[in-house]
Amino acid sequence: MSKTHMLTVTYFAKEGCAKTFVDELETSGVAAAVRAEDGCIHYDYYFSAKDENVVFLFEEWTSEHHQQVHLTQPHIAQLKQIKEKYILDTVLRVL
């Protein structure tokens, strides 16, 4: 079995906006569009038990190439617009 490409994204939301951020990604169809992309194995958001303004995203792709293609998809522009409303800072970590 070949190695997959995994990463985490930590979102630091504006006060009280973490749940609204994730809710909008889900209801707008952005998250579903990502999950339907070729090569997407896992794409899901998790809330911190320690800080209500922190959201974690765990992504797993069949290859780094698939993840890079993901970044060029039209729904990523929509994700960025939603992020601008609710997120103060983001940290990406490749696993």
C-alpha atoms as a PDB file:
ATOM      1  CA  MET A   1       0.000   0.000   0.000  1.00  0.00           C
ATOM      2  CA  SER A   2       1.340   3.416  -0.902  1.00  0.00           C
ATOM      3  CA  LYS A   3       1.757   6.176   1.626  1.00  0.00           C
ATOM      4  CA  THR A   4      -1.064   8.710   1.808  1.00  0.00           C
ATOM      5  CA  HIS A   5      -0.680  12.474   2.216  1.00  0.00           C
ATOM      6  CA  MET A   6      -2.027  13.726   5.550  1.00  0.00           C
ATOM      7  CA  LEU A   7      -2.206  17.158   7.093  1.00  0.00           C
ATOM      8  CA  THR A   8      -3.880  19.085   9.848  1.00  0.00           C
ATOM      9  CA  VAL A   9      -5.095  22.643   9.795  1.00  0.00           C
ATOM     10  CA  THR A  10      -5.666  24.505  13.042  1.00  0.00           C
ATOM     11  CA  TYR A  11      -8.120  27.379  12.714  1.00  0.00           C
ATOM     12  CA  PHE A  12      -8.164  30.101  15.379  1.00  0.00           C
ATOM     13  CA  ALA A  13     -11.652  31.583  15.151  1.00  0.00           C
ATOM     14  CA  LYS A  14     -12.916  34.982  16.183  1.00  0.00           C
ATOM     15  CA  GLU A  15     -14.568  34.861  19.611  1.00  0.00           C
ATOM     16  CA  GLY A  16     -17.615  32.586  19.470  1.00  0.00           C
ATOM     17  CA  CYS A  17     -17.336  31.882  15.722  1.00  0.00           C
ATOM     18  CA  ALA A  18     -15.824  28.368  15.549  1.00  0.00           C
ATOM     19  CA  LYS A  19     -19.122  26.480  15.325  1.00  0.00           C
ATOM     20  CA  THR A  20     -20.617  29.003  12.892  1.00  0.00           C
ATOM     21  CA  PHE A  21     -17.543  28.617  10.661  1.00  0.00           C
ATOM     22  CA  VAL A  22     -17.891  24.834  10.472  1.00  0.00           C
ATOM     23  CA  ASP A  23     -21.690  25.007  10.149  1.00  0.00           C
ATOM     24  CA  GLU A  24     -21.385  27.330   7.147  1.00  0.00           C
ATOM     25  CA  LEU A  25     -18.798  25.093   5.475  1.00  0.00           C
ATOM     26  CA  GLU A  26     -21.155  22.150   5.893  1.00  0.00           C
ATOM     27  CA  THR A  27     -24.427  23.864   4.900  1.00  0.00           C
ATOM     28  CA  SER A  28     -22.882  25.691   1.918  1.00  0.00           C
ATOM     29  CA  GLY A  29     -21.772  22.397   0.414  1.00  0.00           C
ATOM     30  CA  VAL A  30     -18.065  23.295   0.484  1.00  0.00           C
ATOM     31  CA  ALA A  31     -17.113  20.424   2.795  1.00  0.00           C
ATOM     32  CA  ALA A  32     -19.176  17.937   0.777  1.00  0.00           C
ATOM     33  CA  ALA A  33     -17.542  19.146  -2.452  1.00  0.00           C
ATOM     34  CA  VAL A  34     -14.093  18.558  -0.960  1.00  0.00           C
ATOM     35  CA  ARG A  35     -15.068  15.094   0.267  1.00  0.00           C
ATOM     36  CA  ALA A  36     -16.248  14.232  -3.258  1.00  0.00           C
ATOM     37  CA  GLU A  37     -12.939  15.207  -4.854  1.00  0.00           C
ATOM     38  CA  ASP A  38     -10.814  12.567  -6.517  1.00  0.00           C
ATOM     39  CA  GLY A  39      -8.223  11.318  -4.046  1.00  0.00           C
ATOM     40  CA  CYS A  40      -9.914  12.531  -0.868  1.00  0.00           C
ATOM     41  CA  ILE A  41      -9.838   9.820   1.791  1.00  0.00           C
ATOM     42  CA  HIS A  42     -10.769  11.879   4.843  1.00  0.00           C
ATOM     43  CA  TYR A  43     -11.778  15.509   5.357  1.00  0.00           C
ATOM     44  CA  ASP A  44     -13.396  16.469   8.641  1.00  0.00           C
ATOM     45  CA  TYR A  45     -13.526  19.230  11.241  1.00  0.00           C
ATOM     46  CA  TYR A  46     -13.102  18.722  14.999  1.00  0.00           C
ATOM     47  CA  PHE A  47     -13.603  21.120  17.891  1.00  0.00           C
ATOM     48  CA  SER A  48     -11.024  21.598  20.625  1.00  0.00           C
ATOM     49  CA  ALA A  49     -12.074  20.364  24.064  1.00  0.00           C
ATOM     50  CA  LYS A  50      -9.763  22.971  25.573  1.00  0.00           C
ATOM     51  CA  ASP A  51     -10.530  26.143  23.580  1.00  0.00           C
ATOM     52  CA  GLU A  52     -13.969  26.887  22.097  1.00  0.00           C
ATOM     53  CA  ASN A  53     -12.383  29.132  19.449  1.00  0.00           C
ATOM     54  CA  VAL A  54     -10.125  26.457  17.964  1.00  0.00           C
ATOM     55  CA  VAL A  55     -11.139  24.099  15.156  1.00  0.00           C
ATOM     56  CA  PHE A  56      -8.984  21.324  13.749  1.00  0.00           C
ATOM     57  CA  LEU A  57      -9.247  19.998  10.205  1.00  0.00           C
ATOM     58  CA  PHE A  58      -7.818  16.591   9.420  1.00  0.00           C
ATOM     59  CA  GLU A  59      -7.235  15.804   5.755  1.00  0.00           C
ATOM     60  CA  GLU A  60      -6.016  12.609   4.144  1.00  0.00           C
ATOM     61  CA  TRP A  61      -5.405  12.288   0.404  1.00  0.00           C
ATOM     62  CA  THR A  62      -4.229   9.413  -1.755  1.00  0.00           C
ATOM     63  CA  SER A  63      -1.246  11.566  -2.799  1.00  0.00           C
ATOM     64  CA  GLU A  64       0.259  15.014  -2.402  1.00  0.00           C
ATOM     65  CA  HIS A  65      -0.678  15.645  -6.037  1.00  0.00           C
ATOM     66  CA  HIS A  66      -4.373  15.097  -5.259  1.00  0.00           C
ATOM     67  CA  GLN A  67      -4.175  17.510  -2.331  1.00  0.00           C
ATOM     68  CA  GLN A  68      -2.486  20.137  -4.518  1.00  0.00           C
ATOM     69  CA  VAL A  69      -5.179  19.764  -7.199  1.00  0.00           C
ATOM     70  CA  HIS A  70      -7.739  20.202  -4.415  1.00  0.00           C
ATOM     71  CA  LEU A  71      -6.369  23.700  -3.768  1.00  0.00           C
ATOM     72  CA  THR A  72      -7.257  24.755  -7.337  1.00  0.00           C
ATOM     73  CA  GLN A  73     -10.936  23.757  -7.174  1.00  0.00           C
ATOM     74  CA  PRO A  74     -13.659  26.442  -7.464  1.00  0.00           C
ATOM     75  CA  HIS A  75     -15.150  25.663  -4.032  1.00  0.00           C
ATOM     76  CA  ILE A  76     -11.834  26.591  -2.404  1.00  0.00           C
ATOM     77  CA  ALA A  77     -12.523  30.240  -3.290  1.00  0.00           C
ATOM     78  CA  GLN A  78     -15.814  29.919  -1.415  1.00  0.00           C
ATOM     79  CA  LEU A  79     -14.007  28.320   1.540  1.00  0.00           C
ATOM     80  CA  LYS A  80     -11.602  31.282   1.630  1.00  0.00           C
ATOM     81  CA  GLN A  81     -14.528  33.744   1.681  1.00  0.00           C
ATOM     82  CA  ILE A  82     -16.135  31.907   4.592  1.00  0.00           C
ATOM     83  CA  LYS A  83     -12.797  31.719   6.390  1.00  0.00           C
ATOM     84  CA  GLU A  84     -12.328  35.492   6.106  1.00  0.00           C
ATOM     85  CA  LYS A  85     -15.559  36.060   8.034  1.00  0.00           C
ATOM     86  CA  TYR A  86     -14.749  33.842  11.017  1.00  0.00           C
ATOM     87  CA  ILE A  87     -11.041  32.999  11.254  1.00  0.00           C
ATOM     88  CA  LEU A  88      -8.200  35.080  12.692  1.00  0.00           C
ATOM     89  CA  ASP A  89      -5.278  32.753  11.991  1.00  0.00           C
ATOM     90  CA  THR A  90      -4.504  29.349  10.502  1.00  0.00           C
ATOM     91  CA  VAL A  91      -1.653  26.896  11.055  1.00  0.00           C
ATOM     92  CA  LEU A  92      -1.021  24.089   8.539  1.00  0.00           C
ATOM     93  CA  ARG A  93       0.994  21.026   9.458  1.00  0.00           C
ATOM     94  CA  VAL A  94       1.900  18.179   7.112  1.00  0.00           C
ATOM     95  CA  LEU A  95       2.057  14.861   8.971  1.00  0.00           C
END
